[in-house]
Amino acid sequence: HGEDLIVTPFAQILASLRSVRNNFLSLTNVPTG
């Protein structure tokens, strides 16, 4: 199953980007929405 080799790192990247975005919004106090 080669898809697992793609999905797992991709999911980790998305999680990392989401964390960075949340941290950035928290630091800058930018309202979401």
PDB file of N, CA and C in Angstrom:
ATOM      1  N   HIS A   1       0.845  -1.211   0.000  1.00  0.00           N
ATOM      2  CA  HIS A   1       0.000   0.000   0.000  1.00  0.00           C
ATOM      3  C   HIS A   1       0.874   1.252   0.000  1.00  0.00           C
ATOM      4  N   GLY A   2       1.188   1.755  -1.161  1.00  0.00           N
ATOM      5  CA  GLY A   2       2.054   2.929  -1.252  1.00  0.00           C
ATOM      6  C   GLY A   2       1.364   4.191  -0.785  1.00  0.00           C
ATOM      7  N   GLU A   3       0.028   4.174  -0.726  1.00  0.00           N
ATOM      8  CA  GLU A   3      -0.705   5.371  -0.312  1.00  0.00           C
ATOM      9  C   GLU A   3      -0.369   5.756   1.122  1.00  0.00           C
ATOM     10  N   ASP A   4      -0.124   4.746   1.967  1.00  0.00           N
ATOM     11  CA  ASP A   4       0.201   5.009   3.360  1.00  0.00           C
ATOM     12  C   ASP A   4       1.481   5.829   3.475  1.00  0.00           C
ATOM     13  N   LEU A   5       2.421   5.585   2.554  1.00  0.00           N
ATOM     14  CA  LEU A   5       3.692   6.310   2.584  1.00  0.00           C
ATOM     15  C   LEU A   5       3.492   7.775   2.210  1.00  0.00           C
ATOM     16  N   ILE A   6       2.392   8.057   1.524  1.00  0.00           N
ATOM     17  CA  ILE A   6       2.130   9.432   1.094  1.00  0.00           C
ATOM     18  C   ILE A   6       1.213  10.137   2.090  1.00  0.00           C
ATOM     19  N   VAL A   7       0.170   9.428   2.508  1.00  0.00           N
ATOM     20  CA  VAL A   7      -0.837  10.026   3.384  1.00  0.00           C
ATOM     21  C   VAL A   7      -0.262  10.393   4.746  1.00  0.00           C
ATOM     22  N   THR A   8       0.564   9.508   5.310  1.00  0.00           N
ATOM     23  CA  THR A   8       1.087   9.752   6.655  1.00  0.00           C
ATOM     24  C   THR A   8       1.939  11.017   6.739  1.00  0.00           C
ATOM     25  N   PRO A   9       2.961  11.174   5.884  1.00  0.00           N
ATOM     26  CA  PRO A   9       3.772  12.396   5.923  1.00  0.00           C
ATOM     27  C   PRO A   9       2.935  13.618   5.589  1.00  0.00           C
ATOM     28  N   PHE A  10       1.998  13.461   4.665  1.00  0.00           N
ATOM     29  CA  PHE A  10       1.145  14.577   4.265  1.00  0.00           C
ATOM     30  C   PHE A  10       0.290  15.026   5.439  1.00  0.00           C
ATOM     31  N   ALA A  11      -0.235  14.066   6.189  1.00  0.00           N
ATOM     32  CA  ALA A  11      -1.049  14.375   7.358  1.00  0.00           C
ATOM     33  C   ALA A  11      -0.205  15.069   8.421  1.00  0.00           C
ATOM     34  N   GLN A  12       1.037  14.631   8.564  1.00  0.00           N
ATOM     35  CA  GLN A  12       1.934  15.240   9.544  1.00  0.00           C
ATOM     36  C   GLN A  12       2.247  16.675   9.160  1.00  0.00           C
ATOM     37  N   ILE A  13       2.410  16.917   7.843  1.00  0.00           N
ATOM     38  CA  ILE A  13       2.683  18.271   7.359  1.00  0.00           C
ATOM     39  C   ILE A  13       1.485  19.174   7.623  1.00  0.00           C
ATOM     40  N   LEU A  14       0.294  18.664   7.358  1.00  0.00           N
ATOM     41  CA  LEU A  14      -0.922  19.444   7.601  1.00  0.00           C
ATOM     42  C   LEU A  14      -1.052  19.775   9.080  1.00  0.00           C
ATOM     43  N   ALA A  15      -0.745  18.808   9.931  1.00  0.00           N
ATOM     44  CA  ALA A  15      -0.825  19.026  11.371  1.00  0.00           C
ATOM     45  C   ALA A  15       0.178  20.087  11.802  1.00  0.00           C
ATOM     46  N   SER A  16       1.373  20.054  11.212  1.00  0.00           N
ATOM     47  CA  SER A  16       2.410  21.029  11.545  1.00  0.00           C
ATOM     48  C   SER A  16       1.988  22.426  11.109  1.00  0.00           C
ATOM     49  N   LEU A  17       1.467  22.539   9.889  1.00  0.00           N
ATOM     50  CA  LEU A  17       1.026  23.835   9.377  1.00  0.00           C
ATOM     51  C   LEU A  17      -0.117  24.380  10.217  1.00  0.00           C
ATOM     52  N   ARG A  18      -1.008  23.488  10.637  1.00  0.00           N
ATOM     53  CA  ARG A  18      -2.141  23.911  11.461  1.00  0.00           C
ATOM     54  C   ARG A  18      -1.653  24.439  12.807  1.00  0.00           C
ATOM     55  N   SER A  19      -0.666  23.757  13.392  1.00  0.00           N
ATOM     56  CA  SER A  19      -0.112  24.183  14.677  1.00  0.00           C
ATOM     57  C   SER A  19       0.569  25.536  14.551  1.00  0.00           C
ATOM     58  N   VAL A  20       1.350  25.712  13.484  1.00  0.00           N
ATOM     59  CA  VAL A  20       2.053  26.978  13.256  1.00  0.00           C
ATOM     60  C   VAL A  20       1.050  28.108  13.070  1.00  0.00           C
ATOM     61  N   ARG A  21      -0.005  27.832  12.309  1.00  0.00           N
ATOM     62  CA  ARG A  21      -1.033  28.841  12.052  1.00  0.00           C
ATOM     63  C   ARG A  21      -1.730  29.226  13.352  1.00  0.00           C
ATOM     64  N   ASN A  22      -2.064  28.229  14.169  1.00  0.00           N
ATOM     65  CA  ASN A  22      -2.728  28.503  15.437  1.00  0.00           C
ATOM     66  C   ASN A  22      -1.830  29.313  16.357  1.00  0.00           C
ATOM     67  N   ASN A  23      -0.545  28.988  16.387  1.00  0.00           N
ATOM     68  CA  ASN A  23       0.406  29.718  17.216  1.00  0.00           C
ATOM     69  C   ASN A  23       0.546  31.146  16.732  1.00  0.00           C
ATOM     70  N   PHE A  24       0.582  31.334  15.411  1.00  0.00           N
ATOM     71  CA  PHE A  24       0.714  32.664  14.824  1.00  0.00           C
ATOM     72  C   PHE A  24      -0.500  33.511  15.169  1.00  0.00           C
ATOM     73  N   LEU A  25      -1.687  32.934  15.034  1.00  0.00           N
ATOM     74  CA  LEU A  25      -2.915  33.663  15.340  1.00  0.00           C
ATOM     75  C   LEU A  25      -2.969  34.014  16.823  1.00  0.00           C
ATOM     76  N   SER A  26      -2.476  33.122  17.655  1.00  0.00           N
ATOM     77  CA  SER A  26      -2.482  33.376  19.097  1.00  0.00           C
ATOM     78  C   SER A  26      -1.539  34.519  19.446  1.00  0.00           C
ATOM     79  N   LEU A  27      -0.372  34.549  18.798  1.00  0.00           N
ATOM     80  CA  LEU A  27       0.624  35.581  19.082  1.00  0.00           C
ATOM     81  C   LEU A  27       0.169  36.943  18.570  1.00  0.00           C
ATOM     82  N   THR A  28      -0.498  36.946  17.421  1.00  0.00           N
ATOM     83  CA  THR A  28      -0.893  38.209  16.805  1.00  0.00           C
ATOM     84  C   THR A  28      -2.295  38.631  17.226  1.00  0.00           C
ATOM     85  N   ASN A  29      -3.009  37.728  17.941  1.00  0.00           N
ATOM     86  CA  ASN A  29      -4.366  38.031  18.395  1.00  0.00           C
ATOM     87  C   ASN A  29      -5.276  38.431  17.247  1.00  0.00           C
ATOM     88  N   VAL A  30      -5.156  37.725  16.121  1.00  0.00           N
ATOM     89  CA  VAL A  30      -6.008  38.007  14.967  1.00  0.00           C
ATOM     90  C   VAL A  30      -7.300  37.203  15.082  1.00  0.00           C
ATOM     91  N   PRO A  31      -8.435  37.878  15.068  1.00  0.00           N
ATOM     92  CA  PRO A  31      -9.723  37.176  15.177  1.00  0.00           C
ATOM     93  C   PRO A  31      -9.968  36.293  13.969  1.00  0.00           C
ATOM     94  N   THR A  32     -10.456  35.088  14.180  1.00  0.00           N
ATOM     95  CA  THR A  32     -10.715  34.173  13.072  1.00  0.00           C
ATOM     96  C   THR A  32     -12.138  34.354  12.580  1.00  0.00           C
ATOM     97  N   GLY A  33     -12.339  34.180  11.282  1.00  0.00           N
ATOM     98  CA  GLY A  33     -13.692  34.349  10.744  1.00  0.00           C
ATOM     99  C   GLY A  33     -13.826  35.729  10.192  1.00  0.00           C
TER     100      GLY A  33
END
